[in-house]
Amino acid sequence: MSNTNDSGTSRHFLRQWIEEDVASGSTGGKVVTRFPPEPNGYIHIGHAKAICLDFGMAALFGGECHLRLDDTNPAKESDEFAENIKKDIRWLGFQWSGEGDGAEKGFYNASNMFDAL
């Protein structure tokens, strides 16, 4: 099976763009991605696809993927959903940057950055 479509462009355009950025040096030699779900429900198939893309591209290029919960309305968010998102990421076979080393490196809440944003 060919990796190009009828127009001659790669079907893996995201990988192609990342490869070009790495080759040009614009990434500083490191690929860092993020998965930014809203912790207001359980993940669905679209989230699972995004997890595989975000974590998979980071892994493919020896980089890291951060988990940043997009809790823009913290009063309406639930720890239950946040913990289940983490559990589902692990169930899909992925690990965010810094997980397991006793630190919160690689895990963020958007609400913690409101002042900077």
N, C-alpha and C. Protein backbone atom coordinates (compact mmCIF):
# COMPACT_ATOMS: atom_id res chain seq x y z
N MET A 1 0.85 -1.18 0.00
CA MET A 1 0.00 0.00 0.00
C MET A 1 0.89 1.24 0.00
N SER A 2 0.54 2.19 -0.82
CA SER A 2 1.33 3.41 -0.96
C SER A 2 1.04 4.39 0.18
N ASN A 3 2.04 5.17 0.54
CA ASN A 3 1.87 6.20 1.55
C ASN A 3 1.47 7.54 0.94
N THR A 4 1.20 7.55 -0.36
CA THR A 4 0.78 8.80 -1.00
C THR A 4 -0.58 8.62 -1.63
N ASN A 5 -1.28 9.72 -1.80
CA ASN A 5 -2.58 9.67 -2.47
C ASN A 5 -2.38 10.03 -3.94
N ASP A 6 -3.48 10.16 -4.70
CA ASP A 6 -3.39 10.41 -6.13
C ASP A 6 -2.68 11.72 -6.46
N SER A 7 -2.69 12.69 -5.55
CA SER A 7 -2.03 13.97 -5.83
C SER A 7 -0.53 13.92 -5.53
N GLY A 8 -0.06 12.79 -4.99
CA GLY A 8 1.36 12.65 -4.70
C GLY A 8 1.76 13.12 -3.32
N THR A 9 0.83 13.65 -2.55
CA THR A 9 1.16 14.10 -1.20
C THR A 9 1.01 12.95 -0.22
N SER A 10 1.70 13.03 0.86
CA SER A 10 1.68 11.98 1.87
C SER A 10 0.32 11.93 2.56
N ARG A 11 -0.16 10.70 2.81
CA ARG A 11 -1.39 10.54 3.58
C ARG A 11 -1.10 10.79 5.05
N HIS A 12 0.15 10.77 5.42
CA HIS A 12 0.56 11.02 6.80
C HIS A 12 1.12 12.44 6.89
N PHE A 13 0.26 13.41 6.54
CA PHE A 13 0.73 14.79 6.44
C PHE A 13 1.23 15.33 7.76
N LEU A 14 0.64 14.95 8.89
CA LEU A 14 1.14 15.44 10.17
C LEU A 14 2.54 14.93 10.43
N ARG A 15 2.75 13.64 10.18
CA ARG A 15 4.10 13.08 10.36
C ARG A 15 5.08 13.79 9.43
N GLN A 16 4.65 14.04 8.19
CA GLN A 16 5.51 14.73 7.22
C GLN A 16 5.87 16.12 7.73
N TRP A 17 4.89 16.86 8.25
CA TRP A 17 5.17 18.21 8.76
C TRP A 17 6.12 18.16 9.94
N ILE A 18 5.92 17.20 10.84
CA ILE A 18 6.82 17.08 11.99
C ILE A 18 8.22 16.73 11.53
N GLU A 19 8.33 15.79 10.59
CA GLU A 19 9.65 15.43 10.05
C GLU A 19 10.36 16.65 9.47
N GLU A 20 9.61 17.47 8.73
CA GLU A 20 10.19 18.68 8.14
C GLU A 20 10.65 19.65 9.22
N ASP A 21 9.84 19.82 10.26
CA ASP A 21 10.21 20.72 11.35
C ASP A 21 11.44 20.22 12.09
N VAL A 22 11.50 18.92 12.35
CA VAL A 22 12.66 18.34 13.03
C VAL A 22 13.91 18.52 12.16
N ALA A 23 13.78 18.22 10.86
CA ALA A 23 14.92 18.34 9.94
C ALA A 23 15.42 19.78 9.84
N SER A 24 14.50 20.75 9.89
CA SER A 24 14.90 22.16 9.77
C SER A 24 15.46 22.73 11.07
N GLY A 25 15.27 21.99 12.16
CA GLY A 25 15.75 22.47 13.46
C GLY A 25 14.77 23.35 14.19
N SER A 26 13.56 23.55 13.63
CA SER A 26 12.62 24.47 14.27
C SER A 26 12.05 23.94 15.58
N THR A 27 12.20 22.66 15.84
CA THR A 27 11.70 22.11 17.10
C THR A 27 12.77 22.09 18.18
N GLY A 28 13.96 22.54 17.84
CA GLY A 28 15.06 22.49 18.80
C GLY A 28 15.49 21.06 19.10
N GLY A 29 15.16 20.15 18.20
CA GLY A 29 15.56 18.76 18.38
C GLY A 29 14.61 17.94 19.23
N LYS A 30 13.49 18.53 19.66
CA LYS A 30 12.56 17.80 20.51
C LYS A 30 11.13 18.02 20.04
N VAL A 31 10.35 16.94 20.04
CA VAL A 31 8.94 17.02 19.68
C VAL A 31 8.13 16.92 20.96
N VAL A 32 7.31 17.93 21.21
CA VAL A 32 6.45 17.96 22.39
C VAL A 32 5.02 18.20 21.92
N THR A 33 4.13 17.29 22.29
CA THR A 33 2.73 17.44 21.94
C THR A 33 1.92 17.54 23.24
N ARG A 34 0.61 17.76 23.10
CA ARG A 34 -0.25 17.81 24.28
C ARG A 34 -1.60 17.24 23.95
N PHE A 35 -2.25 16.68 24.94
CA PHE A 35 -3.63 16.23 24.83
C PHE A 35 -4.43 17.10 25.78
N PRO A 36 -5.34 17.96 25.24
CA PRO A 36 -6.04 18.94 26.08
C PRO A 36 -7.55 18.70 26.26
N PRO A 37 -7.96 17.61 26.88
CA PRO A 37 -9.41 17.39 27.01
C PRO A 37 -10.04 18.28 28.07
N GLU A 38 -11.34 18.50 27.93
CA GLU A 38 -12.10 19.19 28.97
C GLU A 38 -12.58 18.13 29.96
N PRO A 39 -12.32 18.30 31.25
CA PRO A 39 -12.71 17.28 32.23
C PRO A 39 -14.17 17.44 32.68
N ASN A 40 -15.07 17.42 31.69
CA ASN A 40 -16.49 17.58 32.02
C ASN A 40 -17.32 16.40 31.51
N GLY A 41 -16.64 15.29 31.25
CA GLY A 41 -17.32 14.08 30.79
C GLY A 41 -16.29 12.99 30.57
N TYR A 42 -16.78 11.85 30.17
CA TYR A 42 -15.90 10.73 29.87
C TYR A 42 -15.41 10.84 28.43
N ILE A 43 -14.26 10.24 28.14
CA ILE A 43 -13.75 10.34 26.78
C ILE A 43 -14.61 9.49 25.84
N HIS A 44 -14.61 9.89 24.55
CA HIS A 44 -15.35 9.18 23.52
C HIS A 44 -14.39 8.82 22.40
N ILE A 45 -14.88 8.25 21.32
CA ILE A 45 -14.01 7.76 20.25
C ILE A 45 -13.15 8.87 19.66
N GLY A 46 -13.67 10.08 19.58
CA GLY A 46 -12.86 11.20 19.07
C GLY A 46 -11.68 11.50 19.97
N HIS A 47 -11.90 11.42 21.29
CA HIS A 47 -10.79 11.60 22.24
C HIS A 47 -9.77 10.49 22.06
N ALA A 48 -10.26 9.25 21.90
CA ALA A 48 -9.34 8.11 21.75
C ALA A 48 -8.46 8.29 20.52
N LYS A 49 -9.05 8.77 19.43
CA LYS A 49 -8.27 9.03 18.22
C LYS A 49 -7.23 10.12 18.47
N ALA A 50 -7.64 11.19 19.17
CA ALA A 50 -6.70 12.28 19.47
C ALA A 50 -5.58 11.81 20.39
N ILE A 51 -5.91 10.95 21.36
CA ILE A 51 -4.89 10.39 22.25
C ILE A 51 -3.86 9.64 21.44
N CYS A 52 -4.33 8.77 20.53
CA CYS A 52 -3.40 7.99 19.71
C CYS A 52 -2.54 8.89 18.84
N LEU A 53 -3.12 9.96 18.32
CA LEU A 53 -2.36 10.89 17.49
C LEU A 53 -1.35 11.68 18.32
N ASP A 54 -1.81 12.31 19.38
CA ASP A 54 -0.95 13.17 20.19
C ASP A 54 0.18 12.39 20.87
N PHE A 55 -0.18 11.30 21.53
CA PHE A 55 0.83 10.50 22.21
C PHE A 55 1.67 9.71 21.21
N GLY A 56 1.02 9.23 20.14
CA GLY A 56 1.74 8.44 19.14
C GLY A 56 2.79 9.23 18.39
N MET A 57 2.47 10.47 17.99
CA MET A 57 3.46 11.29 17.28
C MET A 57 4.63 11.63 18.20
N ALA A 58 4.34 11.91 19.44
CA ALA A 58 5.44 12.19 20.38
C ALA A 58 6.33 10.97 20.51
N ALA A 59 5.73 9.80 20.66
CA ALA A 59 6.52 8.57 20.80
C ALA A 59 7.32 8.27 19.54
N LEU A 60 6.71 8.46 18.38
CA LEU A 60 7.37 8.18 17.11
C LEU A 60 8.66 8.98 16.95
N PHE A 61 8.66 10.21 17.47
CA PHE A 61 9.82 11.07 17.32
C PHE A 61 10.66 11.18 18.59
N GLY A 62 10.44 10.27 19.54
CA GLY A 62 11.23 10.27 20.77
C GLY A 62 10.97 11.48 21.64
N GLY A 63 9.79 12.05 21.53
CA GLY A 63 9.45 13.25 22.29
C GLY A 63 8.59 12.93 23.50
N GLU A 64 7.81 13.91 23.90
CA GLU A 64 6.94 13.73 25.05
C GLU A 64 5.59 14.37 24.78
N CYS A 65 4.58 13.86 25.47
CA CYS A 65 3.24 14.40 25.35
C CYS A 65 2.77 14.83 26.74
N HIS A 66 2.30 16.05 26.83
CA HIS A 66 1.78 16.58 28.09
C HIS A 66 0.27 16.38 28.13
N LEU A 67 -0.24 16.14 29.31
CA LEU A 67 -1.68 16.07 29.54
C LEU A 67 -2.08 17.39 30.19
N ARG A 68 -2.85 18.21 29.47
CA ARG A 68 -3.30 19.49 30.00
C ARG A 68 -4.81 19.54 29.97
N LEU A 69 -5.41 19.41 31.14
CA LEU A 69 -6.86 19.46 31.22
C LEU A 69 -7.33 20.88 30.95
N ASP A 70 -8.23 21.00 30.01
CA ASP A 70 -8.75 22.31 29.61
C ASP A 70 -9.94 22.68 30.50
N ASP A 71 -9.63 22.88 31.77
CA ASP A 71 -10.66 23.17 32.77
C ASP A 71 -10.92 24.67 32.86
N THR A 72 -11.45 25.22 31.78
CA THR A 72 -11.65 26.67 31.72
C THR A 72 -12.78 27.16 32.63
N ASN A 73 -13.56 26.24 33.15
CA ASN A 73 -14.61 26.59 34.11
C ASN A 73 -14.50 25.62 35.29
N PRO A 74 -13.47 25.78 36.13
CA PRO A 74 -13.19 24.81 37.19
C PRO A 74 -14.37 24.53 38.12
N ALA A 75 -15.24 25.48 38.32
CA ALA A 75 -16.38 25.27 39.21
C ALA A 75 -17.33 24.20 38.68
N LYS A 76 -17.31 23.97 37.38
CA LYS A 76 -18.21 22.98 36.78
C LYS A 76 -17.49 21.69 36.40
N GLU A 77 -16.20 21.59 36.67
CA GLU A 77 -15.43 20.39 36.33
C GLU A 77 -15.48 19.41 37.49
N SER A 78 -15.17 18.16 37.19
CA SER A 78 -15.24 17.11 38.20
C SER A 78 -13.95 16.31 38.25
N ASP A 79 -13.47 16.06 39.47
CA ASP A 79 -12.29 15.20 39.63
C ASP A 79 -12.56 13.81 39.09
N GLU A 80 -13.82 13.38 39.16
CA GLU A 80 -14.18 12.05 38.64
C GLU A 80 -13.81 11.94 37.16
N PHE A 81 -14.15 12.97 36.39
CA PHE A 81 -13.86 12.93 34.96
C PHE A 81 -12.36 13.02 34.71
N ALA A 82 -11.67 13.88 35.45
CA ALA A 82 -10.22 14.02 35.28
C ALA A 82 -9.51 12.70 35.57
N GLU A 83 -9.89 12.04 36.65
CA GLU A 83 -9.26 10.77 37.00
C GLU A 83 -9.58 9.68 35.98
N ASN A 84 -10.78 9.69 35.43
CA ASN A 84 -11.14 8.71 34.42
C ASN A 84 -10.42 8.97 33.10
N ILE A 85 -10.17 10.23 32.77
CA ILE A 85 -9.39 10.55 31.58
C ILE A 85 -7.99 9.97 31.73
N LYS A 86 -7.37 10.18 32.88
CA LYS A 86 -6.04 9.62 33.14
C LYS A 86 -6.05 8.10 33.02
N LYS A 87 -7.06 7.48 33.62
CA LYS A 87 -7.19 6.03 33.59
C LYS A 87 -7.34 5.52 32.15
N ASP A 88 -8.14 6.20 31.36
CA ASP A 88 -8.36 5.78 29.97
C ASP A 88 -7.11 5.94 29.12
N ILE A 89 -6.33 6.99 29.35
CA ILE A 89 -5.06 7.17 28.63
C ILE A 89 -4.14 5.99 28.92
N ARG A 90 -4.06 5.62 30.18
CA ARG A 90 -3.22 4.47 30.56
C ARG A 90 -3.76 3.19 29.92
N TRP A 91 -5.10 3.03 29.92
CA TRP A 91 -5.71 1.83 29.35
C TRP A 91 -5.40 1.71 27.86
N LEU A 92 -5.31 2.84 27.17
CA LEU A 92 -4.96 2.84 25.76
C LEU A 92 -3.47 2.59 25.53
N GLY A 93 -2.70 2.51 26.61
CA GLY A 93 -1.29 2.16 26.51
C GLY A 93 -0.33 3.33 26.47
N PHE A 94 -0.79 4.50 26.87
CA PHE A 94 0.06 5.68 26.81
C PHE A 94 0.35 6.22 28.21
N GLN A 95 1.38 7.04 28.27
CA GLN A 95 1.80 7.66 29.52
C GLN A 95 2.24 9.08 29.18
N TRP A 96 1.72 10.06 29.92
CA TRP A 96 2.11 11.44 29.64
C TRP A 96 3.48 11.70 30.24
N SER A 97 4.10 12.73 29.77
CA SER A 97 5.44 13.10 30.21
C SER A 97 5.47 13.28 31.72
N GLY A 98 6.42 12.64 32.36
CA GLY A 98 6.61 12.80 33.79
C GLY A 98 5.77 11.89 34.65
N GLU A 99 4.77 11.21 34.08
CA GLU A 99 3.94 10.33 34.89
C GLU A 99 4.79 9.20 35.45
N GLY A 100 4.61 8.91 36.72
CA GLY A 100 5.31 7.80 37.34
C GLY A 100 6.61 8.18 38.01
N ASP A 101 7.08 9.42 37.81
CA ASP A 101 8.33 9.80 38.47
C ASP A 101 8.08 10.58 39.76
N GLY A 102 6.84 10.54 40.23
CA GLY A 102 6.51 11.21 41.49
C GLY A 102 6.28 12.70 41.36
N ALA A 103 6.36 13.21 40.14
CA ALA A 103 6.18 14.65 39.92
C ALA A 103 4.94 14.87 39.07
N GLU A 104 4.50 16.09 39.02
CA GLU A 104 3.37 16.44 38.17
C GLU A 104 3.85 16.97 36.82
N LYS A 105 5.14 16.81 36.53
CA LYS A 105 5.67 17.24 35.24
C LYS A 105 4.85 16.60 34.12
N GLY A 106 4.45 17.40 33.16
CA GLY A 106 3.70 16.88 32.04
C GLY A 106 2.21 16.83 32.26
N PHE A 107 1.73 17.10 33.48
CA PHE A 107 0.30 17.16 33.77
C PHE A 107 -0.04 18.57 34.22
N TYR A 108 -0.98 19.18 33.52
CA TYR A 108 -1.31 20.58 33.79
C TYR A 108 -2.82 20.77 33.80
N ASN A 109 -3.24 21.82 34.47
CA ASN A 109 -4.61 22.31 34.40
C ASN A 109 -4.56 23.71 33.81
N ALA A 110 -5.37 23.96 32.80
CA ALA A 110 -5.40 25.29 32.20
C ALA A 110 -5.72 26.35 33.25
N SER A 111 -6.59 26.01 34.22
CA SER A 111 -6.98 26.98 35.24
C SER A 111 -5.79 27.46 36.07
N ASN A 112 -4.76 26.64 36.18
CA ASN A 112 -3.56 27.05 36.94
C ASN A 112 -2.77 28.11 36.20
N MET A 113 -3.08 28.32 34.92
CA MET A 113 -2.33 29.27 34.11
C MET A 113 -3.16 30.48 33.72
N PHE A 114 -4.33 30.66 34.34
CA PHE A 114 -5.21 31.78 33.97
C PHE A 114 -4.50 33.11 34.03
N ASP A 115 -3.72 33.35 35.08
CA ASP A 115 -3.03 34.64 35.22
C ASP A 115 -2.06 34.89 34.06
N ALA A 116 -1.33 33.86 33.68
CA ALA A 116 -0.38 34.00 32.58
C ALA A 116 -1.10 34.14 31.24
N LEU A 117 -2.24 33.45 31.11
CA LEU A 117 -2.98 33.51 29.85
C LEU A 117 -3.68 34.85 29.73
